Amino acid sequence: MKDSYQLLVIRVVTFGCRWITWADITTLHFTRNFACLTIVIGIQLYACNRNANVEVKTDVSSITKTEKMTLKITIGAHDFTASLSDNPTADALGKMLPMTIFMTELNGNEKYFELPANLPENASSQGTIRAGDLMLYGSNTLVLFYKTFPTPYRYTPIGRIDDPSELANALGSENISVTFQ
């Protein structure tokens, strides 16, 4: 993405008062970062209000994503909000939503469900699993952890429940229906 931002800034500098078109924006993959689009429009307006020889510089390393993707998880009468990781796995899961699944209890610390399709994976050793972690095991096993414990297993992070304090009570010790939306 950083290369895309730099290319767009270079276009502003190079073309001066030539407006950046929607086609320019979509080819640079501005799918979720509207804050950056606002910055680019501001740079474009600045360049057009000055003479065409003005060089506009910006430190693209300081551009950060402010949009936070969230997921609502409903378990019985309990609603939880999860913050999603910024990765292809979370994006792919988001495209499958909404879904209600029947999760299976395992080891007194997690619920899991075998998804009907594989998701992109980038597993790494987590060291410690925290209550509220939403992970992918392998390429198609969605896991929701409700206890904190050390683990040698490798998972791909998908997200984390913002406040998991009531998660264990909501999930209980049996298999359970969970809605993700």
C-alpha atoms as a PDB file:
ATOM      1  CA  MET A   1       0.000   0.000   0.000  1.00  0.00           C
ATOM      2  CA  LYS A   2       2.817   2.420   0.779  1.00  0.00           C
ATOM      3  CA  ASP A   3       3.900   2.308  -2.874  1.00  0.00           C
ATOM      4  CA  SER A   4       0.356   3.260  -3.886  1.00  0.00           C
ATOM      5  CA  TYR A   5       0.391   6.321  -1.630  1.00  0.00           C
ATOM      6  CA  GLN A   6       3.771   7.378  -2.995  1.00  0.00           C
ATOM      7  CA  LEU A   7       2.565   6.930  -6.580  1.00  0.00           C
ATOM      8  CA  LEU A   8      -0.469   9.090  -5.892  1.00  0.00           C
ATOM      9  CA  VAL A   9       1.636  11.830  -4.287  1.00  0.00           C
ATOM     10  CA  ILE A  10       4.040  11.665  -7.233  1.00  0.00           C
ATOM     11  CA  ARG A  11       1.075  12.113  -9.581  1.00  0.00           C
ATOM     12  CA  VAL A  12       0.007  15.220  -7.667  1.00  0.00           C
ATOM     13  CA  VAL A  13       3.510  16.684  -7.931  1.00  0.00           C
ATOM     14  CA  THR A  14       4.048  15.652 -11.537  1.00  0.00           C
ATOM     15  CA  PHE A  15       0.720  16.662 -12.997  1.00  0.00           C
ATOM     16  CA  GLY A  16       0.165  19.758 -10.876  1.00  0.00           C
ATOM     17  CA  CYS A  17      -3.384  20.848 -11.507  1.00  0.00           C
ATOM     18  CA  ARG A  18      -4.555  17.708 -13.346  1.00  0.00           C
ATOM     19  CA  TRP A  19      -7.293  16.283 -11.157  1.00  0.00           C
ATOM     20  CA  ILE A  20      -6.883  12.718 -10.004  1.00  0.00           C
ATOM     21  CA  THR A  21      -9.746  10.677 -11.417  1.00  0.00           C
ATOM     22  CA  TRP A  22     -11.801   7.984  -9.747  1.00  0.00           C
ATOM     23  CA  ALA A  23     -10.022   5.481 -12.007  1.00  0.00           C
ATOM     24  CA  ASP A  24      -6.683   6.657 -10.564  1.00  0.00           C
ATOM     25  CA  ILE A  25      -7.969   6.072  -7.052  1.00  0.00           C
ATOM     26  CA  THR A  26      -9.475   2.639  -7.680  1.00  0.00           C
ATOM     27  CA  THR A  27      -6.363   1.382  -9.435  1.00  0.00           C
ATOM     28  CA  LEU A  28      -4.393   2.295  -6.324  1.00  0.00           C
ATOM     29  CA  HIS A  29      -6.545   0.009  -4.146  1.00  0.00           C
ATOM     30  CA  PHE A  30      -8.156   2.582  -1.883  1.00  0.00           C
ATOM     31  CA  THR A  31     -10.689   0.082  -0.604  1.00  0.00           C
ATOM     32  CA  ARG A  32     -10.895   0.956   3.096  1.00  0.00           C
ATOM     33  CA  ASN A  33      -8.693   3.947   3.886  1.00  0.00           C
ATOM     34  CA  PHE A  34     -10.841   7.004   3.266  1.00  0.00           C
ATOM     35  CA  ALA A  35      -8.678   9.089   5.621  1.00  0.00           C
ATOM     36  CA  CYS A  36      -5.819   8.794   3.147  1.00  0.00           C
ATOM     37  CA  LEU A  37      -8.161   9.764   0.302  1.00  0.00           C
ATOM     38  CA  THR A  38      -8.987  12.960   2.211  1.00  0.00           C
ATOM     39  CA  ILE A  39      -5.281  13.711   2.599  1.00  0.00           C
ATOM     40  CA  VAL A  40      -4.715  13.152  -1.118  1.00  0.00           C
ATOM     41  CA  ILE A  41      -7.616  15.433  -2.062  1.00  0.00           C
ATOM     42  CA  GLY A  42      -6.150  18.071   0.249  1.00  0.00           C
ATOM     43  CA  ILE A  43      -2.762  17.726  -1.447  1.00  0.00           C
ATOM     44  CA  GLN A  44      -4.435  17.932  -4.846  1.00  0.00           C
ATOM     45  CA  LEU A  45      -6.319  21.112  -3.886  1.00  0.00           C
ATOM     46  CA  TYR A  46      -3.112  22.618  -2.518  1.00  0.00           C
ATOM     47  CA  ALA A  47      -1.267  21.838  -5.746  1.00  0.00           C
ATOM     48  CA  CYS A  48      -4.060  23.369  -7.853  1.00  0.00           C
ATOM     49  CA  ASN A  49      -4.230  26.530  -5.786  1.00  0.00           C
ATOM     50  CA  ARG A  50      -0.512  27.128  -6.181  1.00  0.00           C
ATOM     51  CA  ASN A  51       1.441  27.450  -9.385  1.00  0.00           C
ATOM     52  CA  ALA A  52       2.185  24.180 -11.219  1.00  0.00           C
ATOM     53  CA  ASN A  53       5.879  24.268 -10.275  1.00  0.00           C
ATOM     54  CA  VAL A  54       5.228  23.831  -6.550  1.00  0.00           C
ATOM     55  CA  GLU A  55       6.686  20.609  -5.182  1.00  0.00           C
ATOM     56  CA  VAL A  56       4.412  18.941  -2.653  1.00  0.00           C
ATOM     57  CA  LYS A  57       6.188  16.578  -0.266  1.00  0.00           C
ATOM     58  CA  THR A  58       4.759  14.343   2.387  1.00  0.00           C
ATOM     59  CA  ASP A  59       6.127  11.642   4.634  1.00  0.00           C
ATOM     60  CA  VAL A  60       3.954   8.667   3.669  1.00  0.00           C
ATOM     61  CA  SER A  61       5.303   6.639   6.593  1.00  0.00           C
ATOM     62  CA  SER A  62       3.251   8.865   8.902  1.00  0.00           C
ATOM     63  CA  ILE A  63      -0.051   8.005   7.187  1.00  0.00           C
ATOM     64  CA  THR A  64      -1.894   5.571   9.428  1.00  0.00           C
ATOM     65  CA  LYS A  65      -5.146   3.715   9.033  1.00  0.00           C
ATOM     66  CA  THR A  66      -7.737   5.069  11.444  1.00  0.00           C
ATOM     67  CA  GLU A  67     -10.680   2.983  10.346  1.00  0.00           C
ATOM     68  CA  LYS A  68     -11.166   0.052  12.710  1.00  0.00           C
ATOM     69  CA  MET A  69     -13.039  -2.970  11.391  1.00  0.00           C
ATOM     70  CA  THR A  70     -15.362  -4.553  13.947  1.00  0.00           C
ATOM     71  CA  LEU A  71     -17.470  -7.664  14.192  1.00  0.00           C
ATOM     72  CA  LYS A  72     -20.578  -8.257  16.290  1.00  0.00           C
ATOM     73  CA  ILE A  73     -20.692 -11.671  17.970  1.00  0.00           C
ATOM     74  CA  THR A  74     -23.965 -12.822  19.530  1.00  0.00           C
ATOM     75  CA  ILE A  75     -24.069 -15.737  21.965  1.00  0.00           C
ATOM     76  CA  GLY A  76     -27.531 -16.277  23.412  1.00  0.00           C
ATOM     77  CA  ALA A  77     -28.581 -12.944  24.946  1.00  0.00           C
ATOM     78  CA  HIS A  78     -24.988 -11.638  25.036  1.00  0.00           C
ATOM     79  CA  ASP A  79     -23.550  -9.340  22.374  1.00  0.00           C
ATOM     80  CA  PHE A  80     -19.800  -8.834  22.039  1.00  0.00           C
ATOM     81  CA  THR A  81     -17.800  -6.513  19.782  1.00  0.00           C
ATOM     82  CA  ALA A  82     -14.560  -7.768  18.299  1.00  0.00           C
ATOM     83  CA  SER A  83     -11.864  -5.676  16.648  1.00  0.00           C
ATOM     84  CA  LEU A  84     -10.646  -7.410  13.503  1.00  0.00           C
ATOM     85  CA  SER A  85      -7.019  -7.786  12.517  1.00  0.00           C
ATOM     86  CA  ASP A  86      -5.890  -5.964   9.386  1.00  0.00           C
ATOM     87  CA  ASN A  87      -5.067  -9.032   7.317  1.00  0.00           C
ATOM     88  CA  PRO A  88      -6.441 -11.089   4.396  1.00  0.00           C
ATOM     89  CA  THR A  89      -7.835 -13.730   6.765  1.00  0.00           C
ATOM     90  CA  ALA A  90     -10.077 -11.245   8.576  1.00  0.00           C
ATOM     91  CA  ASP A  91     -11.109  -9.732   5.229  1.00  0.00           C
ATOM     92  CA  ALA A  92     -12.055 -13.171   3.863  1.00  0.00           C
ATOM     93  CA  LEU A  93     -14.054 -14.021   6.992  1.00  0.00           C
ATOM     94  CA  GLY A  94     -15.851 -10.676   6.705  1.00  0.00           C
ATOM     95  CA  LYS A  95     -17.034 -11.643   3.212  1.00  0.00           C
ATOM     96  CA  MET A  96     -18.700 -14.769   4.668  1.00  0.00           C
ATOM     97  CA  LEU A  97     -20.826 -12.771   7.125  1.00  0.00           C
ATOM     98  CA  PRO A  98     -23.402 -12.800   8.495  1.00  0.00           C
ATOM     99  CA  MET A  99     -23.362 -16.398   9.644  1.00  0.00           C
ATOM    100  CA  THR A 100     -24.728 -18.393  12.537  1.00  0.00           C
ATOM    101  CA  ILE A 101     -22.678 -21.479  13.336  1.00  0.00           C
ATOM    102  CA  PHE A 102     -22.781 -24.284  15.886  1.00  0.00           C
ATOM    103  CA  MET A 103     -19.422 -24.222  17.654  1.00  0.00           C
ATOM    104  CA  THR A 104     -17.966 -27.314  19.329  1.00  0.00           C
ATOM    105  CA  GLU A 105     -16.423 -27.236  22.820  1.00  0.00           C
ATOM    106  CA  LEU A 106     -12.771 -28.279  23.109  1.00  0.00           C
ATOM    107  CA  ASN A 107     -10.384 -28.532  26.079  1.00  0.00           C
ATOM    108  CA  GLY A 108     -12.442 -26.327  28.418  1.00  0.00           C
ATOM    109  CA  ASN A 109     -10.929 -23.181  26.863  1.00  0.00           C
ATOM    110  CA  GLU A 110     -12.197 -22.813  23.281  1.00  0.00           C
ATOM    111  CA  LYS A 111     -15.023 -23.283  20.804  1.00  0.00           C
ATOM    112  CA  TYR A 112     -14.304 -24.192  17.194  1.00  0.00           C
ATOM    113  CA  PHE A 113     -16.087 -24.579  13.862  1.00  0.00           C
ATOM    114  CA  GLU A 114     -14.912 -26.077  10.570  1.00  0.00           C
ATOM    115  CA  LEU A 115     -15.645 -23.453   7.901  1.00  0.00           C
ATOM    116  CA  PRO A 116     -16.995 -24.655   4.527  1.00  0.00           C
ATOM    117  CA  ALA A 117     -14.161 -22.885   2.666  1.00  0.00           C
ATOM    118  CA  ASN A 118     -10.472 -22.276   3.275  1.00  0.00           C
ATOM    119  CA  LEU A 119      -9.325 -18.814   4.332  1.00  0.00           C
ATOM    120  CA  PRO A 120      -5.917 -17.263   3.661  1.00  0.00           C
ATOM    121  CA  GLU A 121      -3.572 -18.323   6.417  1.00  0.00           C
ATOM    122  CA  ASN A 122      -0.408 -16.883   7.872  1.00  0.00           C
ATOM    123  CA  ALA A 123       0.004 -18.915  11.044  1.00  0.00           C
ATOM    124  CA  SER A 124       2.543 -17.997  13.665  1.00  0.00           C
ATOM    125  CA  SER A 125       3.334 -19.108  17.189  1.00  0.00           C
ATOM    126  CA  GLN A 126       1.191 -17.057  19.554  1.00  0.00           C
ATOM    127  CA  GLY A 127       2.939 -18.082  22.765  1.00  0.00           C
ATOM    128  CA  THR A 128      -0.067 -17.150  24.878  1.00  0.00           C
ATOM    129  CA  ILE A 129      -3.710 -17.315  23.880  1.00  0.00           C
ATOM    130  CA  ARG A 130      -5.863 -14.688  25.563  1.00  0.00           C
ATOM    131  CA  ALA A 131      -9.542 -14.960  26.391  1.00  0.00           C
ATOM    132  CA  GLY A 132     -11.413 -13.283  23.543  1.00  0.00           C
ATOM    133  CA  ASP A 133      -8.937 -14.205  20.772  1.00  0.00           C
ATOM    134  CA  LEU A 134     -10.567 -15.159  17.476  1.00  0.00           C
ATOM    135  CA  MET A 135      -8.128 -17.251  15.438  1.00  0.00           C
ATOM    136  CA  LEU A 136      -7.837 -19.515  12.433  1.00  0.00           C
ATOM    137  CA  TYR A 137      -6.289 -22.932  12.968  1.00  0.00           C
ATOM    138  CA  GLY A 138      -5.059 -24.479   9.734  1.00  0.00           C
ATOM    139  CA  SER A 139      -6.918 -23.012   6.805  1.00  0.00           C
ATOM    140  CA  ASN A 140     -10.547 -23.552   7.778  1.00  0.00           C
ATOM    141  CA  THR A 141     -11.011 -23.954  11.541  1.00  0.00           C
ATOM    142  CA  LEU A 142     -12.448 -20.865  13.230  1.00  0.00           C
ATOM    143  CA  VAL A 143     -11.555 -20.823  16.936  1.00  0.00           C
ATOM    144  CA  LEU A 144     -12.946 -18.574  19.667  1.00  0.00           C
ATOM    145  CA  PHE A 145     -10.954 -18.781  22.908  1.00  0.00           C
ATOM    146  CA  TYR A 146     -12.597 -17.994  26.245  1.00  0.00           C
ATOM    147  CA  LYS A 147      -9.662 -18.643  28.584  1.00  0.00           C
ATOM    148  CA  THR A 148      -6.052 -17.427  28.679  1.00  0.00           C
ATOM    149  CA  PHE A 149      -3.306 -20.073  28.508  1.00  0.00           C
ATOM    150  CA  PRO A 150       0.144 -20.737  26.973  1.00  0.00           C
ATOM    151  CA  THR A 151       0.240 -22.704  23.716  1.00  0.00           C
ATOM    152  CA  PRO A 152       2.849 -24.122  21.348  1.00  0.00           C
ATOM    153  CA  TYR A 153       0.314 -24.203  18.468  1.00  0.00           C
ATOM    154  CA  ARG A 154       0.341 -21.855  15.491  1.00  0.00           C
ATOM    155  CA  TYR A 155      -2.684 -19.738  14.585  1.00  0.00           C
ATOM    156  CA  THR A 156      -3.573 -16.932  12.201  1.00  0.00           C
ATOM    157  CA  PRO A 157      -5.064 -14.005  14.162  1.00  0.00           C
ATOM    158  CA  ILE A 158      -8.480 -12.833  12.954  1.00  0.00           C
ATOM    159  CA  GLY A 159      -9.457 -10.503  15.779  1.00  0.00           C
ATOM    160  CA  ARG A 160     -10.123 -10.090  19.456  1.00  0.00           C
ATOM    161  CA  ILE A 161     -13.226  -9.461  21.534  1.00  0.00           C
ATOM    162  CA  ASP A 162     -12.875  -5.985  23.044  1.00  0.00           C
ATOM    163  CA  ASP A 163     -14.283  -6.941  26.460  1.00  0.00           C
ATOM    164  CA  PRO A 164     -14.203 -10.719  27.039  1.00  0.00           C
ATOM    165  CA  SER A 165     -15.085 -10.535  30.756  1.00  0.00           C
ATOM    166  CA  GLU A 166     -18.460 -12.311  30.254  1.00  0.00           C
ATOM    167  CA  LEU A 167     -17.372 -14.504  27.346  1.00  0.00           C
ATOM    168  CA  ALA A 168     -16.760 -17.711  29.354  1.00  0.00           C
ATOM    169  CA  ASN A 169     -20.170 -17.391  31.032  1.00  0.00           C
ATOM    170  CA  ALA A 170     -21.931 -16.771  27.707  1.00  0.00           C
ATOM    171  CA  LEU A 171     -20.234 -19.742  25.976  1.00  0.00           C
ATOM    172  CA  GLY A 172     -20.607 -22.217  28.853  1.00  0.00           C
ATOM    173  CA  SER A 173     -19.116 -25.702  28.731  1.00  0.00           C
ATOM    174  CA  GLU A 174     -21.267 -27.212  25.960  1.00  0.00           C
ATOM    175  CA  ASN A 175     -21.475 -26.840  22.180  1.00  0.00           C
ATOM    176  CA  ILE A 176     -23.294 -23.613  21.324  1.00  0.00           C
ATOM    177  CA  SER A 177     -24.773 -21.516  18.510  1.00  0.00           C
ATOM    178  CA  VAL A 178     -22.854 -18.298  17.780  1.00  0.00           C
ATOM    179  CA  THR A 179     -23.773 -15.535  15.330  1.00  0.00           C
ATOM    180  CA  PHE A 180     -21.102 -13.462  13.615  1.00  0.00           C
ATOM    181  CA  GLN A 181     -22.142 -10.285  11.796  1.00  0.00           C
END
